[in-house]
């Protein structure tokens, strides 16, 4: 099974987004890079793009 399919099958956005939204003004989460283009290797990392509704400020770090 492809890594992207595994990530999508586990509904990672639906699980991760609500918990992050409790702490930060997040509007969207998306995959990018080799996983998103289905060109990943076994040692590839997973790139996650986070779009914010507003300012996250210095407290994010």
C-alpha atoms as a PDB file:
ATOM      1  CA  UNK A   1       0.000   0.000   0.000  1.00  0.00           C
ATOM      2  CA  UNK A   2       1.273   3.455  -0.846  1.00  0.00           C
ATOM      3  CA  UNK A   3       2.202   5.831   1.993  1.00  0.00           C
ATOM      4  CA  UNK A   4      -0.228   8.488   0.765  1.00  0.00           C
ATOM      5  CA  UNK A   5      -3.080   5.949   0.809  1.00  0.00           C
ATOM      6  CA  UNK A   6      -2.203   4.956   4.364  1.00  0.00           C
ATOM      7  CA  UNK A   7      -2.256   8.584   5.491  1.00  0.00           C
ATOM      8  CA  UNK A   8      -5.562   9.281   3.744  1.00  0.00           C
ATOM      9  CA  UNK A   9      -7.128   6.056   4.977  1.00  0.00           C
ATOM     10  CA  UNK A  10      -6.396   6.942   8.572  1.00  0.00           C
ATOM     11  CA  UNK A  11      -8.129  10.301   8.169  1.00  0.00           C
ATOM     12  CA  UNK A  12      -5.195  12.122   9.728  1.00  0.00           C
ATOM     13  CA  UNK A  13      -6.662  15.540   8.914  1.00  0.00           C
ATOM     14  CA  UNK A  14      -9.922  14.797  10.698  1.00  0.00           C
ATOM     15  CA  UNK A  15      -8.030  13.575  13.760  1.00  0.00           C
ATOM     16  CA  UNK A  16      -5.259  16.159  13.896  1.00  0.00           C
ATOM     17  CA  UNK A  17      -7.055  19.337  12.843  1.00  0.00           C
ATOM     18  CA  UNK A  18      -9.574  19.587  15.754  1.00  0.00           C
ATOM     19  CA  UNK A  19      -6.894  19.113  18.403  1.00  0.00           C
ATOM     20  CA  UNK A  20      -4.638  21.719  16.785  1.00  0.00           C
ATOM     21  CA  UNK A  21      -7.556  24.143  16.338  1.00  0.00           C
ATOM     22  CA  UNK A  22      -8.059  24.163  20.103  1.00  0.00           C
ATOM     23  CA  UNK A  23      -4.633  25.795  20.441  1.00  0.00           C
ATOM     24  CA  UNK A  24      -4.078  27.616  17.126  1.00  0.00           C
ATOM     25  CA  UNK A  25      -6.226  29.378  14.473  1.00  0.00           C
ATOM     26  CA  UNK A  26      -5.811  26.664  11.823  1.00  0.00           C
ATOM     27  CA  UNK A  27      -7.986  26.675   8.707  1.00  0.00           C
ATOM     28  CA  UNK A  28      -6.427  23.904   6.589  1.00  0.00           C
ATOM     29  CA  UNK A  29      -3.936  21.032   6.648  1.00  0.00           C
ATOM     30  CA  UNK A  30      -2.458  19.472   3.497  1.00  0.00           C
ATOM     31  CA  UNK A  31       0.299  17.124   2.386  1.00  0.00           C
ATOM     32  CA  UNK A  32       3.101  18.364   0.150  1.00  0.00           C
ATOM     33  CA  UNK A  33       6.340  17.080  -1.312  1.00  0.00           C
ATOM     34  CA  UNK A  34       7.134  13.540  -2.355  1.00  0.00           C
ATOM     35  CA  UNK A  35       4.241  11.970  -0.418  1.00  0.00           C
ATOM     36  CA  UNK A  36       1.677  14.281  -2.031  1.00  0.00           C
ATOM     37  CA  UNK A  37       3.051  13.597  -5.512  1.00  0.00           C
ATOM     38  CA  UNK A  38       3.327   9.851  -4.798  1.00  0.00           C
ATOM     39  CA  UNK A  39       7.089   9.882  -5.435  1.00  0.00           C
ATOM     40  CA  UNK A  40       8.218   9.057  -1.910  1.00  0.00           C
ATOM     41  CA  UNK A  41      10.791   6.500  -0.864  1.00  0.00           C
ATOM     42  CA  UNK A  42      10.830   4.399   2.274  1.00  0.00           C
ATOM     43  CA  UNK A  43      13.035   6.984   4.023  1.00  0.00           C
ATOM     44  CA  UNK A  44      10.975  10.008   2.906  1.00  0.00           C
ATOM     45  CA  UNK A  45       9.582  12.411   5.434  1.00  0.00           C
ATOM     46  CA  UNK A  46       5.974  13.611   5.402  1.00  0.00           C
ATOM     47  CA  UNK A  47       5.478  17.294   4.555  1.00  0.00           C
ATOM     48  CA  UNK A  48       2.399  18.856   6.153  1.00  0.00           C
ATOM     49  CA  UNK A  49       1.332  22.368   5.159  1.00  0.00           C
ATOM     50  CA  UNK A  50      -0.594  24.336   7.780  1.00  0.00           C
ATOM     51  CA  UNK A  51      -2.744  27.348   6.813  1.00  0.00           C
ATOM     52  CA  UNK A  52      -3.687  29.726   9.639  1.00  0.00           C
ATOM     53  CA  UNK A  53      -6.804  31.918   9.947  1.00  0.00           C
ATOM     54  CA  UNK A  54      -4.973  34.614  11.834  1.00  0.00           C
ATOM     55  CA  UNK A  55      -1.832  35.503  13.671  1.00  0.00           C
ATOM     56  CA  UNK A  56      -0.232  32.754  15.720  1.00  0.00           C
ATOM     57  CA  UNK A  57       2.167  35.072  17.512  1.00  0.00           C
ATOM     58  CA  UNK A  58       5.386  34.218  19.273  1.00  0.00           C
ATOM     59  CA  UNK A  59       3.598  31.704  21.555  1.00  0.00           C
ATOM     60  CA  UNK A  60       3.548  29.164  18.729  1.00  0.00           C
ATOM     61  CA  UNK A  61       7.201  28.369  19.309  1.00  0.00           C
END
